[in-house]
Amino acid sequence: MSRKKKFALALVALLVLIQLVPVDTENPEVTAEVDAPTEVLEILRRACYDCHSNETVWPWYTHLAPVNFLVAHDVEEGREHLNFSEWDRYDPERRAHKISEVWEEVEEGEMPLWFYTPLHPEAELSAADLAALEAWARTEGEGTD
């Protein structure tokens, strides 16, 4: 058997075996919902909740390794930075800061992540979405002028 065939066979075997490595895709309980205007909440649900809430939707491809490792890591990291489903763990000052951070990340084009929107086109933010998020940050956030 040639080296290329051995390598291909080993690669296929590895891809099959890593499917057996468990990845937690359970969503924790929602303890408190973010208090935002209906329009803003709809935008957050559409563009942010998959990584920044306990209401992550896990599409079929998130159950296949190695994609599942990457997505689970991104969700864990996203929830660590900001979790709209655990809004009660932030005091009022921290909430205002988080709201300002949301707008800052969106305004700078950092969120939603560039690789998220091709698979989730509904997460693309329109001019109206941006205006609503900016207004929310200006009224509820801190230090935005």
N, C-alpha and C. Protein backbone atom coordinates (compact mmCIF):
# COMPACT_ATOMS: atom_id res chain seq x y z
N MET A 1 0.86 -1.18 0.00
CA MET A 1 0.00 0.00 0.00
C MET A 1 0.91 1.24 0.00
N SER A 2 0.57 2.22 -0.82
CA SER A 2 1.39 3.43 -0.93
C SER A 2 1.23 4.30 0.32
N ARG A 3 2.18 5.20 0.49
CA ARG A 3 2.14 6.12 1.64
C ARG A 3 0.89 7.00 1.60
N LYS A 4 0.53 7.44 0.41
CA LYS A 4 -0.66 8.30 0.28
C LYS A 4 -1.91 7.56 0.73
N LYS A 5 -2.04 6.29 0.33
CA LYS A 5 -3.21 5.50 0.73
C LYS A 5 -3.21 5.25 2.23
N LYS A 6 -2.04 4.96 2.79
CA LYS A 6 -1.94 4.76 4.24
C LYS A 6 -2.31 6.03 5.00
N PHE A 7 -1.81 7.14 4.50
CA PHE A 7 -2.12 8.42 5.13
C PHE A 7 -3.62 8.71 5.06
N ALA A 8 -4.22 8.50 3.89
CA ALA A 8 -5.65 8.74 3.71
C ALA A 8 -6.47 7.83 4.63
N LEU A 9 -6.07 6.58 4.73
CA LEU A 9 -6.77 5.62 5.59
C LEU A 9 -6.65 6.04 7.06
N ALA A 10 -5.46 6.45 7.46
CA ALA A 10 -5.24 6.91 8.84
C ALA A 10 -6.07 8.16 9.13
N LEU A 11 -6.14 9.05 8.17
CA LEU A 11 -6.93 10.28 8.34
C LEU A 11 -8.41 9.96 8.50
N VAL A 12 -8.92 9.08 7.67
CA VAL A 12 -10.32 8.67 7.77
C VAL A 12 -10.58 8.00 9.12
N ALA A 13 -9.68 7.13 9.54
CA ALA A 13 -9.83 6.45 10.84
C ALA A 13 -9.83 7.48 11.97
N LEU A 14 -8.95 8.46 11.89
CA LEU A 14 -8.91 9.51 12.91
C LEU A 14 -10.21 10.30 12.94
N LEU A 15 -10.72 10.68 11.78
CA LEU A 15 -11.98 11.42 11.72
C LEU A 15 -13.15 10.62 12.30
N VAL A 16 -13.13 9.32 12.07
CA VAL A 16 -14.18 8.46 12.63
C VAL A 16 -14.02 8.37 14.15
N LEU A 17 -12.81 8.17 14.62
CA LEU A 17 -12.57 8.02 16.06
C LEU A 17 -12.88 9.30 16.85
N ILE A 18 -12.57 10.46 16.29
CA ILE A 18 -12.82 11.68 17.06
C ILE A 18 -14.32 11.97 17.21
N GLN A 19 -15.14 11.28 16.42
CA GLN A 19 -16.59 11.43 16.60
C GLN A 19 -17.03 10.87 17.96
N LEU A 20 -16.21 10.01 18.54
CA LEU A 20 -16.53 9.39 19.81
C LEU A 20 -16.20 10.28 21.02
N VAL A 21 -15.46 11.36 20.78
CA VAL A 21 -15.10 12.27 21.87
C VAL A 21 -16.32 13.14 22.17
N PRO A 22 -16.85 13.07 23.40
CA PRO A 22 -18.07 13.82 23.71
C PRO A 22 -17.81 15.32 23.83
N VAL A 23 -18.77 16.09 23.36
CA VAL A 23 -18.75 17.54 23.48
C VAL A 23 -20.10 17.95 24.06
N ASP A 24 -20.06 18.74 25.13
CA ASP A 24 -21.28 19.16 25.79
C ASP A 24 -22.00 20.23 24.98
N THR A 25 -23.19 19.90 24.52
CA THR A 25 -24.01 20.87 23.79
C THR A 25 -25.33 21.12 24.54
N GLU A 26 -25.32 20.85 25.82
CA GLU A 26 -26.49 21.14 26.64
C GLU A 26 -26.51 22.63 26.98
N ASN A 27 -27.67 23.21 26.91
CA ASN A 27 -27.81 24.61 27.29
C ASN A 27 -28.18 24.71 28.77
N PRO A 28 -27.42 25.51 29.52
CA PRO A 28 -27.78 25.72 30.92
C PRO A 28 -29.14 26.44 31.03
N GLU A 29 -29.67 26.44 32.20
CA GLU A 29 -30.95 27.10 32.46
C GLU A 29 -30.83 28.61 32.29
N VAL A 30 -31.89 29.23 31.79
CA VAL A 30 -31.96 30.68 31.71
C VAL A 30 -32.38 31.16 33.09
N THR A 31 -31.56 32.03 33.68
CA THR A 31 -31.88 32.53 35.03
C THR A 31 -32.54 33.90 35.00
N ALA A 32 -32.23 34.69 33.99
CA ALA A 32 -32.86 36.01 33.83
C ALA A 32 -32.59 36.50 32.42
N GLU A 33 -33.62 36.99 31.80
CA GLU A 33 -33.53 37.51 30.43
C GLU A 33 -33.07 38.96 30.47
N VAL A 34 -32.29 39.34 29.46
CA VAL A 34 -31.86 40.73 29.34
C VAL A 34 -33.10 41.61 29.18
N ASP A 35 -33.08 42.75 29.87
CA ASP A 35 -34.18 43.69 29.79
C ASP A 35 -33.85 44.69 28.68
N ALA A 36 -34.46 44.51 27.54
CA ALA A 36 -34.20 45.37 26.39
C ALA A 36 -35.51 45.60 25.65
N PRO A 37 -35.58 46.70 24.89
CA PRO A 37 -36.78 46.91 24.07
C PRO A 37 -36.99 45.73 23.12
N THR A 38 -38.23 45.49 22.75
CA THR A 38 -38.58 44.36 21.90
C THR A 38 -37.74 44.31 20.63
N GLU A 39 -37.56 45.44 19.97
CA GLU A 39 -36.78 45.49 18.73
C GLU A 39 -35.33 45.06 18.98
N VAL A 40 -34.75 45.54 20.06
CA VAL A 40 -33.36 45.19 20.40
C VAL A 40 -33.27 43.72 20.76
N LEU A 41 -34.23 43.24 21.54
CA LEU A 41 -34.22 41.82 21.93
C LEU A 41 -34.28 40.92 20.70
N GLU A 42 -35.08 41.30 19.72
CA GLU A 42 -35.16 40.51 18.49
C GLU A 42 -33.82 40.49 17.76
N ILE A 43 -33.14 41.62 17.72
CA ILE A 43 -31.82 41.69 17.08
C ILE A 43 -30.83 40.81 17.84
N LEU A 44 -30.83 40.92 19.16
CA LEU A 44 -29.91 40.13 19.98
C LEU A 44 -30.16 38.64 19.78
N ARG A 45 -31.43 38.24 19.76
CA ARG A 45 -31.77 36.83 19.57
C ARG A 45 -31.27 36.33 18.22
N ARG A 46 -31.42 37.14 17.20
CA ARG A 46 -31.06 36.76 15.84
C ARG A 46 -29.55 36.75 15.60
N ALA A 47 -28.84 37.69 16.21
CA ALA A 47 -27.43 37.88 15.87
C ALA A 47 -26.45 37.51 16.99
N CYS A 48 -26.94 37.37 18.22
CA CYS A 48 -26.00 37.21 19.34
C CYS A 48 -26.24 35.98 20.21
N TYR A 49 -27.47 35.53 20.29
CA TYR A 49 -27.83 34.51 21.28
C TYR A 49 -27.15 33.16 21.10
N ASP A 50 -26.75 32.81 19.89
CA ASP A 50 -26.13 31.50 19.72
C ASP A 50 -24.84 31.37 20.52
N CYS A 51 -24.15 32.47 20.73
CA CYS A 51 -22.90 32.43 21.50
C CYS A 51 -22.99 33.14 22.85
N HIS A 52 -23.97 34.02 22.99
CA HIS A 52 -24.03 34.85 24.19
C HIS A 52 -25.32 34.64 24.99
N SER A 53 -25.80 33.41 25.03
CA SER A 53 -26.97 33.09 25.84
C SER A 53 -26.96 31.60 26.16
N ASN A 54 -27.91 31.19 26.96
CA ASN A 54 -28.10 29.77 27.26
C ASN A 54 -29.17 29.18 26.35
N GLU A 55 -29.40 29.84 25.22
CA GLU A 55 -30.39 29.39 24.25
C GLU A 55 -29.74 29.11 22.90
N THR A 56 -28.54 28.59 22.94
CA THR A 56 -27.79 28.27 21.73
C THR A 56 -28.55 27.25 20.89
N VAL A 57 -28.64 27.52 19.61
CA VAL A 57 -29.18 26.54 18.66
C VAL A 57 -27.97 25.78 18.11
N TRP A 58 -28.01 24.48 18.24
CA TRP A 58 -26.89 23.63 17.81
C TRP A 58 -27.27 22.93 16.50
N PRO A 59 -26.94 23.52 15.34
CA PRO A 59 -27.26 22.88 14.05
C PRO A 59 -26.55 21.54 13.90
N TRP A 60 -26.96 20.78 12.92
CA TRP A 60 -26.43 19.43 12.71
C TRP A 60 -24.91 19.40 12.65
N TYR A 61 -24.31 20.38 11.99
CA TYR A 61 -22.85 20.35 11.81
C TYR A 61 -22.10 20.57 13.12
N THR A 62 -22.79 21.06 14.14
CA THR A 62 -22.12 21.25 15.44
C THR A 62 -22.02 19.95 16.22
N HIS A 63 -22.49 18.87 15.63
CA HIS A 63 -22.39 17.56 16.27
C HIS A 63 -21.33 16.69 15.59
N LEU A 64 -20.60 17.29 14.66
CA LEU A 64 -19.55 16.57 13.95
C LEU A 64 -18.18 17.12 14.33
N ALA A 65 -17.29 16.22 14.74
CA ALA A 65 -15.93 16.63 15.04
C ALA A 65 -15.18 16.83 13.73
N PRO A 66 -14.30 17.75 13.64
CA PRO A 66 -13.80 18.64 14.68
C PRO A 66 -14.57 19.95 14.83
N VAL A 67 -15.60 20.15 14.01
CA VAL A 67 -16.38 21.40 14.08
C VAL A 67 -16.98 21.58 15.46
N ASN A 68 -17.47 20.50 16.06
CA ASN A 68 -18.10 20.62 17.37
C ASN A 68 -17.15 21.15 18.43
N PHE A 69 -15.88 20.80 18.35
CA PHE A 69 -14.91 21.32 19.32
C PHE A 69 -14.77 22.83 19.19
N LEU A 70 -14.70 23.31 17.97
CA LEU A 70 -14.53 24.74 17.71
C LEU A 70 -15.77 25.53 18.14
N VAL A 71 -16.95 25.04 17.76
CA VAL A 71 -18.18 25.76 18.08
C VAL A 71 -18.41 25.76 19.59
N ALA A 72 -18.23 24.63 20.24
CA ALA A 72 -18.42 24.56 21.69
C ALA A 72 -17.45 25.51 22.41
N HIS A 73 -16.24 25.60 21.92
CA HIS A 73 -15.27 26.53 22.52
C HIS A 73 -15.72 27.98 22.32
N ASP A 74 -16.18 28.33 21.12
CA ASP A 74 -16.65 29.69 20.87
C ASP A 74 -17.85 30.04 21.74
N VAL A 75 -18.77 29.10 21.90
CA VAL A 75 -19.96 29.35 22.73
C VAL A 75 -19.54 29.52 24.19
N GLU A 76 -18.67 28.66 24.67
CA GLU A 76 -18.20 28.77 26.06
C GLU A 76 -17.53 30.13 26.30
N GLU A 77 -16.68 30.51 25.38
CA GLU A 77 -15.99 31.80 25.50
C GLU A 77 -16.97 32.97 25.40
N GLY A 78 -17.92 32.87 24.48
CA GLY A 78 -18.91 33.93 24.33
C GLY A 78 -19.75 34.11 25.58
N ARG A 79 -20.21 33.00 26.15
CA ARG A 79 -21.00 33.07 27.38
C ARG A 79 -20.18 33.63 28.54
N GLU A 80 -18.89 33.33 28.55
CA GLU A 80 -18.03 33.81 29.62
C GLU A 80 -17.92 35.34 29.58
N HIS A 81 -17.84 35.89 28.38
CA HIS A 81 -17.72 37.35 28.23
C HIS A 81 -19.04 38.08 28.44
N LEU A 82 -20.12 37.47 27.96
CA LEU A 82 -21.45 38.10 28.04
C LEU A 82 -22.50 37.02 27.88
N ASN A 83 -23.43 36.97 28.84
CA ASN A 83 -24.49 35.97 28.75
C ASN A 83 -25.83 36.66 29.02
N PHE A 84 -26.60 36.82 27.94
CA PHE A 84 -27.91 37.48 28.05
C PHE A 84 -28.92 36.64 28.83
N SER A 85 -28.65 35.36 29.03
CA SER A 85 -29.56 34.47 29.77
C SER A 85 -29.26 34.43 31.26
N GLU A 86 -28.22 35.12 31.66
CA GLU A 86 -27.87 35.20 33.08
C GLU A 86 -27.66 36.67 33.46
N TRP A 87 -28.56 37.49 32.97
CA TRP A 87 -28.49 38.93 33.15
C TRP A 87 -28.53 39.31 34.63
N ASP A 88 -29.13 38.43 35.44
CA ASP A 88 -29.26 38.70 36.88
C ASP A 88 -27.92 38.62 37.62
N ARG A 89 -26.90 38.06 37.01
CA ARG A 89 -25.61 37.99 37.70
C ARG A 89 -24.80 39.29 37.57
N TYR A 90 -25.30 40.22 36.75
CA TYR A 90 -24.65 41.51 36.60
C TYR A 90 -25.39 42.56 37.42
N ASP A 91 -24.64 43.38 38.17
CA ASP A 91 -25.29 44.49 38.88
C ASP A 91 -25.61 45.59 37.85
N PRO A 92 -26.42 46.59 38.22
CA PRO A 92 -26.83 47.61 37.25
C PRO A 92 -25.66 48.30 36.52
N GLU A 93 -24.59 48.58 37.24
CA GLU A 93 -23.44 49.23 36.60
C GLU A 93 -22.79 48.30 35.57
N ARG A 94 -22.69 47.04 35.93
CA ARG A 94 -22.09 46.06 35.02
C ARG A 94 -22.98 45.86 33.79
N ARG A 95 -24.29 45.89 33.99
CA ARG A 95 -25.22 45.76 32.86
C ARG A 95 -25.02 46.92 31.89
N ALA A 96 -24.93 48.13 32.44
CA ALA A 96 -24.72 49.31 31.59
C ALA A 96 -23.41 49.18 30.83
N HIS A 97 -22.39 48.69 31.50
CA HIS A 97 -21.09 48.50 30.84
C HIS A 97 -21.19 47.45 29.73
N LYS A 98 -21.88 46.35 30.01
CA LYS A 98 -22.04 45.29 29.01
C LYS A 98 -22.79 45.81 27.78
N ILE A 99 -23.83 46.62 28.01
CA ILE A 99 -24.59 47.19 26.89
C ILE A 99 -23.69 48.08 26.05
N SER A 100 -22.87 48.89 26.71
CA SER A 100 -21.92 49.74 25.97
C SER A 100 -20.93 48.90 25.18
N GLU A 101 -20.47 47.81 25.79
CA GLU A 101 -19.53 46.92 25.10
C GLU A 101 -20.17 46.27 23.87
N VAL A 102 -21.45 45.92 23.98
CA VAL A 102 -22.15 45.34 22.84
C VAL A 102 -22.08 46.32 21.67
N TRP A 103 -22.45 47.57 21.92
CA TRP A 103 -22.44 48.55 20.85
C TRP A 103 -21.02 48.77 20.32
N GLU A 104 -20.05 48.85 21.19
CA GLU A 104 -18.67 49.06 20.77
C GLU A 104 -18.19 47.94 19.84
N GLU A 105 -18.48 46.69 20.21
CA GLU A 105 -18.08 45.55 19.39
C GLU A 105 -18.79 45.56 18.03
N VAL A 106 -20.06 45.90 18.04
CA VAL A 106 -20.82 45.95 16.79
C VAL A 106 -20.34 47.11 15.92
N GLU A 107 -20.18 48.26 16.52
CA GLU A 107 -19.75 49.45 15.78
C GLU A 107 -18.38 49.23 15.13
N GLU A 108 -17.49 48.53 15.82
CA GLU A 108 -16.15 48.27 15.29
C GLU A 108 -16.12 47.09 14.32
N GLY A 109 -17.27 46.45 14.10
CA GLY A 109 -17.34 45.33 13.17
C GLY A 109 -16.79 44.04 13.73
N GLU A 110 -16.58 43.99 15.04
CA GLU A 110 -16.05 42.78 15.68
C GLU A 110 -17.12 41.72 15.89
N MET A 111 -18.36 42.16 16.02
CA MET A 111 -19.48 41.25 16.24
C MET A 111 -20.60 41.63 15.28
N PRO A 112 -21.35 40.64 14.81
CA PRO A 112 -21.10 39.22 14.91
C PRO A 112 -19.79 38.85 14.21
N LEU A 113 -19.23 37.74 14.64
CA LEU A 113 -17.97 37.30 14.07
C LEU A 113 -18.09 37.07 12.56
N TRP A 114 -17.04 37.40 11.83
CA TRP A 114 -17.05 37.32 10.37
C TRP A 114 -17.38 35.92 9.86
N PHE A 115 -16.98 34.89 10.59
CA PHE A 115 -17.22 33.52 10.11
C PHE A 115 -18.58 32.98 10.54
N TYR A 116 -19.30 33.73 11.35
CA TYR A 116 -20.63 33.29 11.79
C TYR A 116 -21.70 33.64 10.76
N THR A 117 -21.62 34.84 10.22
CA THR A 117 -22.68 35.33 9.34
C THR A 117 -22.85 34.56 8.02
N PRO A 118 -21.81 33.99 7.41
CA PRO A 118 -22.08 33.23 6.18
C PRO A 118 -23.01 32.03 6.42
N LEU A 119 -22.89 31.39 7.58
CA LEU A 119 -23.77 30.26 7.90
C LEU A 119 -25.08 30.70 8.54
N HIS A 120 -25.12 31.96 8.98
CA HIS A 120 -26.31 32.51 9.64
C HIS A 120 -26.59 33.90 9.07
N PRO A 121 -27.06 33.97 7.83
CA PRO A 121 -27.26 35.27 7.19
C PRO A 121 -28.25 36.17 7.93
N GLU A 122 -29.13 35.57 8.71
CA GLU A 122 -30.07 36.37 9.50
C GLU A 122 -29.37 37.21 10.56
N ALA A 123 -28.13 36.89 10.85
CA ALA A 123 -27.36 37.64 11.86
C ALA A 123 -26.72 38.90 11.28
N GLU A 124 -26.75 39.06 9.96
CA GLU A 124 -26.26 40.30 9.36
C GLU A 124 -27.08 41.46 9.90
N LEU A 125 -26.39 42.51 10.30
CA LEU A 125 -27.07 43.66 10.90
C LEU A 125 -27.34 44.73 9.85
N SER A 126 -28.59 45.13 9.75
CA SER A 126 -28.99 46.17 8.82
C SER A 126 -28.72 47.54 9.44
N ALA A 127 -28.90 48.58 8.65
CA ALA A 127 -28.75 49.95 9.17
C ALA A 127 -29.76 50.20 10.29
N ALA A 128 -30.97 49.68 10.15
CA ALA A 128 -31.99 49.84 11.20
C ALA A 128 -31.58 49.10 12.47
N ASP A 129 -31.00 47.92 12.31
CA ASP A 129 -30.52 47.16 13.47
C ASP A 129 -29.43 47.95 14.20
N LEU A 130 -28.50 48.48 13.43
CA LEU A 130 -27.41 49.26 14.02
C LEU A 130 -27.95 50.47 14.76
N ALA A 131 -28.91 51.16 14.18
CA ALA A 131 -29.50 52.34 14.82
C ALA A 131 -30.19 51.96 16.13
N ALA A 132 -30.89 50.83 16.13
CA ALA A 132 -31.58 50.39 17.34
C ALA A 132 -30.58 50.03 18.44
N LEU A 133 -29.51 49.33 18.08
CA LEU A 133 -28.50 48.97 19.07
C LEU A 133 -27.78 50.20 19.60
N GLU A 134 -27.49 51.14 18.72
CA GLU A 134 -26.83 52.37 19.17
C GLU A 134 -27.74 53.16 20.12
N ALA A 135 -29.02 53.26 19.79
CA ALA A 135 -29.97 53.98 20.66
C ALA A 135 -30.06 53.30 22.02
N TRP A 136 -30.09 51.97 22.03
CA TRP A 136 -30.13 51.21 23.28
C TRP A 136 -28.90 51.50 24.11
N ALA A 137 -27.74 51.49 23.47
CA ALA A 137 -26.49 51.76 24.19
C ALA A 137 -26.47 53.20 24.73
N ARG A 138 -26.99 54.11 23.96
CA ARG A 138 -26.98 55.52 24.41
C ARG A 138 -27.93 55.74 25.59
N THR A 139 -29.02 55.02 25.63
CA THR A 139 -29.98 55.21 26.73
C THR A 139 -29.70 54.33 27.94
N GLU A 140 -29.17 53.12 27.70
CA GLU A 140 -28.99 52.17 28.79
C GLU A 140 -27.51 51.91 29.15
N GLY A 141 -26.62 52.24 28.23
CA GLY A 141 -25.21 51.97 28.44
C GLY A 141 -24.55 53.06 29.26
N GLU A 142 -23.26 52.88 29.48
CA GLU A 142 -22.50 53.87 30.23
C GLU A 142 -21.51 54.57 29.32
N GLY A 143 -21.28 55.80 29.58
CA GLY A 143 -20.21 56.52 28.91
C GLY A 143 -20.33 56.64 27.42
N THR A 144 -21.52 56.50 26.86
CA THR A 144 -21.67 56.70 25.42
C THR A 144 -22.25 58.06 25.18
N ASP A 145 -21.52 58.85 24.41
CA ASP A 145 -22.00 60.19 24.08
C ASP A 145 -22.16 60.35 22.60
